[in-house]
PDB file of N, CA and C in Angstrom:
ATOM      1  N   MET A   1      52.467 246.583 115.612  1.00  0.00           N
ATOM      2  CA  MET A   1      51.634 246.655 116.783  1.00  0.00           C
ATOM      3  C   MET A   1      50.972 248.028 116.823  1.00  0.00           C
ATOM      4  N   GLU A   2      49.680 248.037 116.972  1.00  0.00           N
ATOM      5  CA  GLU A   2      48.921 249.277 117.008  1.00  0.00           C
ATOM      6  C   GLU A   2      48.864 249.793 118.441  1.00  0.00           C
ATOM      7  N   THR A   3      49.091 251.069 118.613  1.00  0.00           N
ATOM      8  CA  THR A   3      49.015 251.674 119.941  1.00  0.00           C
ATOM      9  C   THR A   3      48.018 252.815 119.910  1.00  0.00           C
ATOM     10  N   PHE A   4      47.568 253.220 121.080  1.00  0.00           N
ATOM     11  CA  PHE A   4      46.658 254.348 121.168  1.00  0.00           C
ATOM     12  C   PHE A   4      47.029 255.175 122.389  1.00  0.00           C
ATOM     13  N   GLU A   5      46.682 256.439 122.302  1.00  0.00           N
ATOM     14  CA  GLU A   5      46.954 257.355 123.405  1.00  0.00           C
ATOM     15  C   GLU A   5      45.773 257.329 124.372  1.00  0.00           C
ATOM     16  N   SER A   6      46.084 257.396 125.641  1.00  0.00           N
ATOM     17  CA  SER A   6      45.057 257.423 126.662  1.00  0.00           C
ATOM     18  C   SER A   6      45.433 258.457 127.707  1.00  0.00           C
ATOM     19  N   GLU A   7      44.420 259.046 128.316  1.00  0.00           N
ATOM     20  CA  GLU A   7      44.707 260.000 129.378  1.00  0.00           C
ATOM     21  C   GLU A   7      45.110 259.291 130.665  1.00  0.00           C
ATOM     22  N   PHE A   8      44.871 257.994 130.737  1.00  0.00           N
ATOM     23  CA  PHE A   8      45.203 257.218 131.922  1.00  0.00           C
ATOM     24  C   PHE A   8      46.431 256.363 131.654  1.00  0.00           C
ATOM     25  N   PRO A   9      47.234 256.095 132.682  1.00  0.00           N
ATOM     26  CA  PRO A   9      48.382 255.212 132.482  1.00  0.00           C
ATOM     27  C   PRO A   9      47.909 253.799 132.159  1.00  0.00           C
ATOM     28  N   ALA A  10      48.739 253.083 131.446  1.00  0.00           N
ATOM     29  CA  ALA A  10      48.414 251.697 131.113  1.00  0.00           C
ATOM     30  C   ALA A  10      48.439 250.855 132.386  1.00  0.00           C
ATOM     31  N   LEU A  11      47.659 249.779 132.388  1.00  0.00           N
ATOM     32  CA  LEU A  11      47.616 248.895 133.550  1.00  0.00           C
ATOM     33  C   LEU A  11      49.006 248.394 133.903  1.00  0.00           C
ATOM     34  N   TRP A  12      49.832 248.078 132.886  1.00  0.00           N
ATOM     35  CA  TRP A  12      51.183 247.581 133.178  1.00  0.00           C
ATOM     36  C   TRP A  12      51.998 248.634 133.919  1.00  0.00           C
ATOM     37  N   GLU A  13      51.797 249.919 133.608  1.00  0.00           N
ATOM     38  CA  GLU A  13      52.535 250.979 134.309  1.00  0.00           C
ATOM     39  C   GLU A  13      52.091 251.074 135.765  1.00  0.00           C
ATOM     40  N   ILE A  14      50.806 250.945 135.977  1.00  0.00           N
ATOM     41  CA  ILE A  14      50.277 250.995 137.340  1.00  0.00           C
ATOM     42  C   ILE A  14      50.811 249.822 138.147  1.00  0.00           C
ATOM     43  N   LEU A  15      50.740 248.628 137.557  1.00  0.00           N
ATOM     44  CA  LEU A  15      51.207 247.442 138.270  1.00  0.00           C
ATOM     45  C   LEU A  15      52.699 247.504 138.540  1.00  0.00           C
ATOM     46  N   ARG A  16      53.467 248.005 137.581  1.00  0.00           N
ATOM     47  CA  ARG A  16      54.911 248.124 137.786  1.00  0.00           C
ATOM     48  C   ARG A  16      55.194 249.106 138.921  1.00  0.00           C
ATOM     49  N   ALA A  17      54.448 250.181 138.988  1.00  0.00           N
ATOM     50  CA  ALA A  17      54.649 251.166 140.057  1.00  0.00           C
ATOM     51  C   ALA A  17      54.360 250.574 141.431  1.00  0.00           C
ATOM     52  N   THR A  18      53.435 249.628 141.496  1.00  0.00           N
ATOM     53  CA  THR A  18      53.104 249.023 142.789  1.00  0.00           C
ATOM     54  C   THR A  18      54.192 248.088 143.279  1.00  0.00           C
ATOM     55  N   ASN A  19      55.193 247.801 142.458  1.00  0.00           N
ATOM     56  CA  ASN A  19      56.308 246.953 142.873  1.00  0.00           C
ATOM     57  C   ASN A  19      57.418 247.748 143.548  1.00  0.00           C
ATOM     58  N   ASP A  20      57.147 248.978 143.905  1.00  0.00           N
ATOM     59  CA  ASP A  20      58.124 249.824 144.584  1.00  0.00           C
ATOM     60  C   ASP A  20      58.532 249.152 145.896  1.00  0.00           C
ATOM     61  N   PRO A  21      59.815 248.774 146.038  1.00  0.00           N
ATOM     62  CA  PRO A  21      60.241 248.065 147.249  1.00  0.00           C
ATOM     63  C   PRO A  21      60.101 248.904 148.520  1.00  0.00           C
ATOM     64  N   GLN A  22      60.060 250.217 148.375  1.00  0.00           N
ATOM     65  CA  GLN A  22      59.907 251.080 149.549  1.00  0.00           C
ATOM     66  C   GLN A  22      58.447 251.469 149.772  1.00  0.00           C
ATOM     67  N   ASP A  23      57.562 250.879 148.982  1.00  0.00           N
ATOM     68  CA  ASP A  23      56.116 251.078 149.130  1.00  0.00           C
ATOM     69  C   ASP A  23      55.740 252.557 149.185  1.00  0.00           C
ATOM     70  N   ARG A  24      56.224 253.323 148.224  1.00  0.00           N
ATOM     71  CA  ARG A  24      55.912 254.748 148.143  1.00  0.00           C
ATOM     72  C   ARG A  24      54.768 255.021 147.176  1.00  0.00           C
ATOM     73  N   THR A  25      54.177 253.983 146.635  1.00  0.00           N
ATOM     74  CA  THR A  25      53.155 254.150 145.612  1.00  0.00           C
ATOM     75  C   THR A  25      51.863 254.696 146.208  1.00  0.00           C
ATOM     76  N   VAL A  26      51.365 255.750 145.613  1.00  0.00           N
ATOM     77  CA  VAL A  26      50.060 256.294 145.971  1.00  0.00           C
ATOM     78  C   VAL A  26      49.250 256.301 144.681  1.00  0.00           C
ATOM     79  N   LEU A  27      48.250 255.440 144.623  1.00  0.00           N
ATOM     80  CA  LEU A  27      47.435 255.327 143.421  1.00  0.00           C
ATOM     81  C   LEU A  27      46.351 256.388 143.400  1.00  0.00           C
ATOM     82  N   THR A  28      46.042 256.837 142.199  1.00  0.00           N
ATOM     83  CA  THR A  28      44.870 257.692 142.036  1.00  0.00           C
ATOM     84  C   THR A  28      43.638 256.792 142.046  1.00  0.00           C
ATOM     85  N   CYS A  29      42.473 257.384 142.146  1.00  0.00           N
ATOM     86  CA  CYS A  29      41.237 256.596 142.105  1.00  0.00           C
ATOM     87  C   CYS A  29      41.123 255.840 140.781  1.00  0.00           C
ATOM     88  N   ASP A  30      41.470 256.496 139.663  1.00  0.00           N
ATOM     89  CA  ASP A  30      41.393 255.843 138.354  1.00  0.00           C
ATOM     90  C   ASP A  30      42.347 254.654 138.270  1.00  0.00           C
ATOM     91  N   GLU A  31      43.556 254.815 138.799  1.00  0.00           N
ATOM     92  CA  GLU A  31      44.528 253.717 138.773  1.00  0.00           C
ATOM     93  C   GLU A  31      44.048 252.553 139.629  1.00  0.00           C
ATOM     94  N   CYS A  32      43.535 252.869 140.807  1.00  0.00           N
ATOM     95  CA  CYS A  32      43.020 251.824 141.688  1.00  0.00           C
ATOM     96  C   CYS A  32      41.843 251.109 141.026  1.00  0.00           C
ATOM     97  N   PHE A  33      40.964 251.861 140.377  1.00  0.00           N
ATOM     98  CA  PHE A  33      39.822 251.265 139.697  1.00  0.00           C
ATOM     99  C   PHE A  33      40.279 250.326 138.583  1.00  0.00           C
ATOM    100  N   ALA A  34      41.305 250.722 137.829  1.00  0.00           N
ATOM    101  CA  ALA A  34      41.811 249.867 136.746  1.00  0.00           C
ATOM    102  C   ALA A  34      42.303 248.537 137.297  1.00  0.00           C
ATOM    103  N   ILE A  35      43.015 248.579 138.409  1.00  0.00           N
ATOM    104  CA  ILE A  35      43.508 247.343 139.022  1.00  0.00           C
ATOM    105  C   ILE A  35      42.345 246.511 139.545  1.00  0.00           C
ATOM    106  N   MET A  36      41.410 247.155 140.245  1.00  0.00           N
ATOM    107  CA  MET A  36      40.271 246.414 140.799  1.00  0.00           C
ATOM    108  C   MET A  36      39.420 245.795 139.698  1.00  0.00           C
ATOM    109  N   GLU A  37      39.267 246.496 138.582  1.00  0.00           N
ATOM    110  CA  GLU A  37      38.495 245.958 137.460  1.00  0.00           C
ATOM    111  C   GLU A  37      39.153 244.691 136.914  1.00  0.00           C
ATOM    112  N   TYR A  38      40.479 244.726 136.751  1.00  0.00           N
ATOM    113  CA  TYR A  38      41.208 243.550 136.279  1.00  0.00           C
ATOM    114  C   TYR A  38      41.057 242.397 137.273  1.00  0.00           C
ATOM    115  N   LEU A  39      41.246 242.675 138.556  1.00  0.00           N
ATOM    116  CA  LEU A  39      41.140 241.627 139.571  1.00  0.00           C
ATOM    117  C   LEU A  39      39.727 241.057 139.634  1.00  0.00           C
ATOM    118  N   ALA A  40      38.726 241.916 139.477  1.00  0.00           N
ATOM    119  CA  ALA A  40      37.343 241.440 139.474  1.00  0.00           C
ATOM    120  C   ALA A  40      37.085 240.539 138.273  1.00  0.00           C
ATOM    121  N   ASP A  41      37.599 240.929 137.106  1.00  0.00           N
ATOM    122  CA  ASP A  41      37.449 240.089 135.913  1.00  0.00           C
ATOM    123  C   ASP A  41      38.084 238.723 136.138  1.00  0.00           C
ATOM    124  N   CYS A  42      39.266 238.710 136.736  1.00  0.00           N
ATOM    125  CA  CYS A  42      39.943 237.438 137.028  1.00  0.00           C
ATOM    126  C   CYS A  42      39.122 236.604 138.003  1.00  0.00           C
ATOM    127  N   ALA A  43      38.595 237.245 139.043  1.00  0.00           N
ATOM    128  CA  ALA A  43      37.825 236.520 140.054  1.00  0.00           C
ATOM    129  C   ALA A  43      36.557 235.925 139.458  1.00  0.00           C
ATOM    130  N   VAL A  44      35.849 236.709 138.649  1.00  0.00           N
ATOM    131  CA  VAL A  44      34.613 236.225 138.027  1.00  0.00           C
ATOM    132  C   VAL A  44      34.905 235.051 137.103  1.00  0.00           C
ATOM    133  N   ALA A  45      36.027 235.110 136.417  1.00  0.00           N
ATOM    134  CA  ALA A  45      36.407 234.027 135.508  1.00  0.00           C
ATOM    135  C   ALA A  45      36.971 232.827 136.261  1.00  0.00           C
ATOM    136  N   GLY A  46      37.141 232.971 137.572  1.00  0.00           N
ATOM    137  CA  GLY A  46      37.689 231.879 138.365  1.00  0.00           C
ATOM    138  C   GLY A  46      39.199 231.752 138.235  1.00  0.00           C
ATOM    139  N   ALA A  47      39.828 232.771 137.683  1.00  0.00           N
ATOM    140  CA  ALA A  47      41.276 232.726 137.468  1.00  0.00           C
ATOM    141  C   ALA A  47      42.012 233.280 138.679  1.00  0.00           C
ATOM    142  N   LYS A  48      43.135 232.700 138.946  1.00  0.00           N
ATOM    143  CA  LYS A  48      44.013 233.184 140.010  1.00  0.00           C
ATOM    144  C   LYS A  48      45.171 233.918 139.346  1.00  0.00           C
ATOM    145  N   ARG A  49      45.426 235.149 139.789  1.00  0.00           N
ATOM    146  CA  ARG A  49      46.495 235.950 139.181  1.00  0.00           C
ATOM    147  C   ARG A  49      47.820 235.213 139.167  1.00  0.00           C
ATOM    148  N   GLU A  50      48.149 234.582 140.275  1.00  0.00           N
ATOM    149  CA  GLU A  50      49.429 233.887 140.369  1.00  0.00           C
ATOM    150  C   GLU A  50      49.514 232.760 139.344  1.00  0.00           C
ATOM    151  N   ALA A  51      48.402 232.059 139.141  1.00  0.00           N
ATOM    152  CA  ALA A  51      48.384 230.959 138.177  1.00  0.00           C
ATOM    153  C   ALA A  51      48.529 231.486 136.747  1.00  0.00           C
ATOM    154  N   ILE A  52      47.907 232.623 136.461  1.00  0.00           N
ATOM    155  CA  ILE A  52      48.022 233.224 135.131  1.00  0.00           C
ATOM    156  C   ILE A  52      49.467 233.621 134.869  1.00  0.00           C
ATOM    157  N   PHE A  53      50.077 234.291 135.836  1.00  0.00           N
ATOM    158  CA  PHE A  53      51.464 234.721 135.687  1.00  0.00           C
ATOM    159  C   PHE A  53      52.391 233.512 135.553  1.00  0.00           C
ATOM    160  N   ALA A  54      52.190 232.500 136.380  1.00  0.00           N
ATOM    161  CA  ALA A  54      53.036 231.300 136.333  1.00  0.00           C
ATOM    162  C   ALA A  54      52.904 230.591 134.988  1.00  0.00           C
ATOM    163  N   ALA A  55      51.690 230.507 134.460  1.00  0.00           N
ATOM    164  CA  ALA A  55      51.490 229.852 133.162  1.00  0.00           C
ATOM    165  C   ALA A  55      52.191 230.622 132.053  1.00  0.00           C
ATOM    166  N   ALA A  56      52.106 231.949 132.102  1.00  0.00           N
ATOM    167  CA  ALA A  56      52.784 232.768 131.089  1.00  0.00           C
ATOM    168  C   ALA A  56      54.298 232.615 131.204  1.00  0.00           C
ATOM    169  N   GLN A  57      54.825 232.635 132.420  1.00  0.00           N
ATOM    170  CA  GLN A  57      56.266 232.475 132.624  1.00  0.00           C
ATOM    171  C   GLN A  57      56.741 231.106 132.135  1.00  0.00           C
ATOM    172  N   LYS A  58      55.953 230.080 132.405  1.00  0.00           N
ATOM    173  CA  LYS A  58      56.302 228.723 131.968  1.00  0.00           C
ATOM    174  C   LYS A  58      56.359 228.660 130.444  1.00  0.00           C
ATOM    175  N   HIS A  59      55.387 229.274 129.794  1.00  0.00           N
ATOM    176  CA  HIS A  59      55.365 229.273 128.338  1.00  0.00           C
ATOM    177  C   HIS A  59      56.560 230.043 127.782  1.00  0.00           C
ATOM    178  N   LEU A  60      56.832 231.218 128.354  1.00  0.00           N
ATOM    179  CA  LEU A  60      57.961 232.024 127.888  1.00  0.00           C
ATOM    180  C   LEU A  60      59.284 231.282 128.050  1.00  0.00           C
ATOM    181  N   ALA A  61      59.386 230.467 129.075  1.00  0.00           N
ATOM    182  CA  ALA A  61      60.626 229.724 129.319  1.00  0.00           C
ATOM    183  C   ALA A  61      60.911 228.713 128.215  1.00  0.00           C
ATOM    184  N   ARG A  62      59.858 228.228 127.550  1.00  0.00           N
ATOM    185  CA  ARG A  62      60.098 227.193 126.538  1.00  0.00           C
ATOM    186  C   ARG A  62      59.752 227.618 125.108  1.00  0.00           C
ATOM    187  N   CYS A  63      59.322 228.861 124.918  1.00  0.00           N
ATOM    188  CA  CYS A  63      58.945 229.321 123.581  1.00  0.00           C
ATOM    189  C   CYS A  63      59.782 230.537 123.186  1.00  0.00           C
ATOM    190  N   PRO A  64      60.807 230.339 122.365  1.00  0.00           N
ATOM    191  CA  PRO A  64      61.665 231.468 121.995  1.00  0.00           C
ATOM    192  C   PRO A  64      60.925 232.569 121.231  1.00  0.00           C
ATOM    193  N   ASP A  65      59.955 232.223 120.400  1.00  0.00           N
ATOM    194  CA  ASP A  65      59.216 233.245 119.649  1.00  0.00           C
ATOM    195  C   ASP A  65      58.455 234.180 120.589  1.00  0.00           C
ATOM    196  N   CYS A  66      57.757 233.604 121.550  1.00  0.00           N
ATOM    197  CA  CYS A  66      57.006 234.424 122.504  1.00  0.00           C
ATOM    198  C   CYS A  66      57.946 235.197 123.424  1.00  0.00           C
ATOM    199  N   ARG A  67      59.073 234.594 123.772  1.00  0.00           N
ATOM    200  CA  ARG A  67      60.060 235.267 124.613  1.00  0.00           C
ATOM    201  C   ARG A  67      60.578 236.526 123.913  1.00  0.00           C
ATOM    202  N   ILE A  68      60.858 236.400 122.614  1.00  0.00           N
ATOM    203  CA  ILE A  68      61.317 237.550 121.831  1.00  0.00           C
ATOM    204  C   ILE A  68      60.213 238.603 121.756  1.00  0.00           C
ATOM    205  N   GLU A  69      58.999 238.177 121.449  1.00  0.00           N
ATOM    206  CA  GLU A  69      57.862 239.101 121.361  1.00  0.00           C
ATOM    207  C   GLU A  69      57.648 239.822 122.692  1.00  0.00           C
ATOM    208  N   HIS A  70      57.733 239.083 123.781  1.00  0.00           N
ATOM    209  CA  HIS A  70      57.558 239.657 125.118  1.00  0.00           C
ATOM    210  C   HIS A  70      58.641 240.700 125.398  1.00  0.00           C
ATOM    211  N   ALA A  71      59.884 240.362 125.103  1.00  0.00           N
ATOM    212  CA  ALA A  71      60.999 241.291 125.332  1.00  0.00           C
ATOM    213  C   ALA A  71      60.836 242.553 124.485  1.00  0.00           C
ATOM    214  N   GLU A  72      60.434 242.377 123.231  1.00  0.00           N
ATOM    215  CA  GLU A  72      60.227 243.532 122.355  1.00  0.00           C
ATOM    216  C   GLU A  72      59.087 244.407 122.860  1.00  0.00           C
ATOM    217  N   ARG A  73      58.040 243.777 123.355  1.00  0.00           N
ATOM    218  CA  ARG A  73      56.888 244.533 123.890  1.00  0.00           C
ATOM    219  C   ARG A  73      57.307 245.330 125.122  1.00  0.00           C
ATOM    220  N   ILE A  74      58.063 244.703 125.998  1.00  0.00           N
ATOM    221  CA  ILE A  74      58.552 245.397 127.199  1.00  0.00           C
ATOM    222  C   ILE A  74      59.400 246.600 126.793  1.00  0.00           C
ATOM    223  N   GLN A  75      60.310 246.390 125.846  1.00  0.00           N
ATOM    224  CA  GLN A  75      61.174 247.485 125.390  1.00  0.00           C
ATOM    225  C   GLN A  75      60.345 248.628 124.800  1.00  0.00           C
ATOM    226  N   ALA A  76      59.364 248.288 123.978  1.00  0.00           N
ATOM    227  CA  ALA A  76      58.524 249.317 123.358  1.00  0.00           C
ATOM    228  C   ALA A  76      57.726 250.087 124.411  1.00  0.00           C
ATOM    229  N   LEU A  77      57.176 249.374 125.379  1.00  0.00           N
ATOM    230  CA  LEU A  77      56.392 250.034 126.418  1.00  0.00           C
ATOM    231  C   LEU A  77      57.266 250.898 127.321  1.00  0.00           C
ATOM    232  N   GLU A  78      58.463 250.419 127.630  1.00  0.00           N
ATOM    233  CA  GLU A  78      59.384 251.222 128.438  1.00  0.00           C
ATOM    234  C   GLU A  78      59.797 252.484 127.687  1.00  0.00           C
ATOM    235  N   LYS A  79      60.002 252.355 126.379  1.00  0.00           N
ATOM    236  CA  LYS A  79      60.350 253.520 125.562  1.00  0.00           C
ATOM    237  C   LYS A  79      59.207 254.537 125.582  1.00  0.00           C
ATOM    238  N   LEU A  80      57.973 254.057 125.412  1.00  0.00           N
ATOM    239  CA  LEU A  80      56.811 254.949 125.466  1.00  0.00           C
ATOM    240  C   LEU A  80      56.701 255.624 126.828  1.00  0.00           C
ATOM    241  N   SER A  81      56.970 254.865 127.865  1.00  0.00           N
ATOM    242  CA  SER A  81      56.904 255.413 129.212  1.00  0.00           C
ATOM    243  C   SER A  81      57.935 256.519 129.405  1.00  0.00           C
ATOM    244  N   ARG A  82      59.151 256.288 128.929  1.00  0.00           N
ATOM    245  CA  ARG A  82      60.203 257.306 129.030  1.00  0.00           C
ATOM    246  C   ARG A  82      59.828 258.548 128.225  1.00  0.00           C
ATOM    247  N   GLN A  83      59.301 258.342 127.021  1.00  0.00           N
ATOM    248  CA  GLN A  83      58.929 259.468 126.161  1.00  0.00           C
ATOM    249  C   GLN A  83      57.813 260.298 126.782  1.00  0.00           C
ATOM    250  N   SER A  84      56.885 259.639 127.440  1.00  0.00           N
ATOM    251  CA  SER A  84      55.763 260.371 128.036  1.00  0.00           C
ATOM    252  C   SER A  84      56.206 261.212 129.228  1.00  0.00           C
ATOM    253  N   LYS A  85      57.347 260.874 129.801  1.00  0.00           N
ATOM    254  CA  LYS A  85      57.854 261.628 130.951  1.00  0.00           C
ATOM    255  C   LYS A  85      58.727 262.795 130.531  1.00  0.00           C
ATOM    256  N   GLU A  86      59.066 262.874 129.234  1.00  0.00           N
ATOM    257  CA  GLU A  86      59.924 263.963 128.731  1.00  0.00           C
ATOM    258  C   GLU A  86      59.142 265.219 128.462  1.00  0.00           C
TER     259      GLU A  86
END
């Protein structure tokens, strides 16, 4: 898997931060723009975020290869996130 360095956090990091149960998340303008851009793309395409997530979850539930790939991707991204904070 090819990765690249960016001065901005990845969209997955921004979205994960917004799941703070105590709602302490304060987004920067760039982070907010990244989320709005994704949501706008979904809206223009007629896609509903919940439906996209549900379809992916349904597929992962029945496809062991994708489930493994997904788990490995999460682990790799979490490792990168930890390393960037060191």
